[in-house]
Amino acid sequence: MRIGNEKLILVTPDAGVKIKELIQREEKGDYLRIKITGGGCNGLSYKMKFVDQGKDKDILVESAGQSVLVDSKTALYLRGTTLDYSNKLVGGGFKFTNPNAKASCSCGESFNL
């Protein structure tokens, strides 16, 4: 596993608090894995899940007190991204702000390059 930094992905304090809450509630692992896959209304979509360990070629980023795992392919699309969280009733939840995206859907869950 390689060590990355917040230039790859930055977790805001609000997102860090929510991730910590979810890790404790879900009890599926202490790492948040972020992956970009094909799909969604704009071609690519973000996937997040908790895992108990990383893989050999993963990049580990520590941000806002949380451990985030990213595979090397996802890292190409993710560089410079911020992960934020809002608890607003409308439009709340996790939101990715990706400077590499040319367009994204209004829900913030998919994008294209």
Protein backbone atom coordinates (compact mmCIF):
# COMPACT_ATOMS: atom_id res chain seq x y z
CA MET A 1 0.00 0.00 0.00
CA ARG A 2 1.25 3.48 -0.89
CA ILE A 3 0.75 6.58 1.22
CA GLY A 4 -0.97 9.50 -0.51
CA ASN A 5 -1.93 12.94 0.68
CA GLU A 6 -4.81 15.41 0.59
CA LYS A 7 -3.82 16.52 -2.92
CA LEU A 8 -5.51 13.30 -4.05
CA ILE A 9 -8.64 13.63 -1.90
CA LEU A 10 -9.48 16.04 0.89
CA VAL A 11 -12.13 15.08 3.43
CA THR A 12 -13.78 18.10 5.05
CA PRO A 13 -14.29 18.16 8.84
CA ASP A 14 -18.07 17.66 8.40
CA ALA A 15 -17.50 14.62 6.17
CA GLY A 16 -14.92 13.27 8.61
CA VAL A 17 -17.42 13.40 11.48
CA LYS A 18 -20.10 11.63 9.43
CA ILE A 19 -17.67 8.96 8.19
CA LYS A 20 -16.65 8.27 11.80
CA GLU A 21 -20.32 7.92 12.82
CA LEU A 22 -21.00 5.54 9.94
CA ILE A 23 -17.91 3.41 10.66
CA GLN A 24 -19.08 2.95 14.24
CA ARG A 25 -22.66 2.18 13.19
CA GLU A 26 -21.92 -0.13 10.25
CA GLU A 27 -19.03 -2.05 11.87
CA LYS A 28 -17.74 -3.24 8.46
CA GLY A 29 -14.23 -1.81 8.64
CA ASP A 30 -12.21 1.25 9.56
CA TYR A 31 -11.33 2.32 6.02
CA LEU A 32 -13.51 4.19 3.55
CA ARG A 33 -12.90 2.89 0.02
CA ILE A 34 -13.75 5.34 -2.77
CA LYS A 35 -13.99 3.96 -6.27
CA ILE A 36 -15.05 5.44 -9.59
CA THR A 37 -17.00 3.12 -11.87
CA GLY A 38 -18.83 3.41 -15.16
CA GLY A 39 -22.49 4.30 -14.82
CA GLY A 40 -24.74 7.05 -13.57
CA CYS A 41 -26.46 9.69 -15.65
CA ASN A 42 -23.15 11.28 -16.70
CA GLY A 43 -21.01 8.22 -17.45
CA LEU A 44 -18.92 7.79 -14.28
CA SER A 45 -20.10 7.44 -10.70
CA TYR A 46 -18.61 7.47 -7.22
CA LYS A 47 -18.91 4.39 -5.02
CA MET A 48 -18.09 4.32 -1.32
CA LYS A 49 -17.97 1.42 1.10
CA PHE A 50 -16.27 0.50 4.34
CA VAL A 51 -13.60 -2.19 4.33
CA ASP A 52 -11.41 -3.72 7.01
CA GLN A 53 -8.17 -3.62 5.03
CA GLY A 54 -6.56 -2.27 1.91
CA LYS A 55 -5.16 -4.03 -1.13
CA ASP A 56 -1.51 -4.11 -2.27
CA LYS A 57 -1.76 -1.32 -4.86
CA ASP A 58 -4.13 0.94 -2.90
CA ILE A 59 -3.29 4.50 -1.99
CA LEU A 60 -4.02 5.44 1.62
CA VAL A 61 -4.93 9.04 2.40
CA GLU A 62 -5.40 10.29 5.96
CA SER A 63 -7.71 13.30 5.99
CA ALA A 64 -9.98 14.80 8.67
CA GLY A 65 -9.01 11.95 10.97
CA GLN A 66 -10.23 9.30 8.52
CA SER A 67 -8.44 6.66 6.47
CA VAL A 68 -9.47 6.69 2.81
CA LEU A 69 -8.42 3.99 0.33
CA VAL A 70 -8.25 4.65 -3.41
CA ASP A 71 -7.13 2.24 -6.13
CA SER A 72 -4.61 3.52 -8.69
CA LYS A 73 -7.15 3.70 -11.55
CA THR A 74 -9.59 5.75 -9.47
CA ALA A 75 -6.75 8.05 -8.39
CA LEU A 76 -6.35 9.23 -11.99
CA TYR A 77 -9.90 10.62 -11.97
CA LEU A 78 -9.99 11.74 -8.34
CA ARG A 79 -6.91 13.95 -8.01
CA GLY A 80 -7.78 17.24 -6.27
CA THR A 81 -11.27 16.13 -5.21
CA THR A 82 -12.95 17.28 -1.99
CA LEU A 83 -15.44 15.08 -0.16
CA ASP A 84 -17.92 17.10 1.90
CA TYR A 85 -21.05 16.27 3.88
CA SER A 86 -24.19 18.27 4.56
CA ASN A 87 -27.05 17.27 6.83
CA LYS A 88 -29.58 19.48 5.04
CA LEU A 89 -32.94 17.85 4.49
CA VAL A 90 -32.95 18.76 0.80
CA GLY A 91 -29.69 18.28 -1.09
CA GLY A 92 -27.88 16.84 1.92
CA GLY A 93 -25.51 13.89 2.09
CA PHE A 94 -22.00 13.34 0.77
CA LYS A 95 -20.90 15.53 -2.11
CA PHE A 96 -17.81 15.22 -4.28
CA THR A 97 -16.27 18.36 -5.74
CA ASN A 98 -13.99 17.10 -8.50
CA PRO A 99 -11.94 19.68 -10.46
CA ASN A 100 -11.41 17.10 -13.24
CA ALA A 101 -15.12 16.75 -14.02
CA LYS A 102 -16.37 18.67 -17.04
CA ALA A 103 -20.00 18.02 -16.13
CA SER A 104 -21.80 16.44 -13.21
CA CYS A 105 -25.39 15.63 -12.39
CA SER A 106 -27.35 17.72 -9.90
CA CYS A 107 -27.21 14.97 -7.29
CA GLY A 108 -23.38 15.02 -7.39
CA GLU A 109 -23.12 11.25 -7.71
CA SER A 110 -22.00 11.01 -11.31
CA PHE A 111 -19.80 13.02 -13.69
CA ASN A 112 -17.91 12.92 -16.97
CA LEU A 113 -14.48 14.05 -18.09
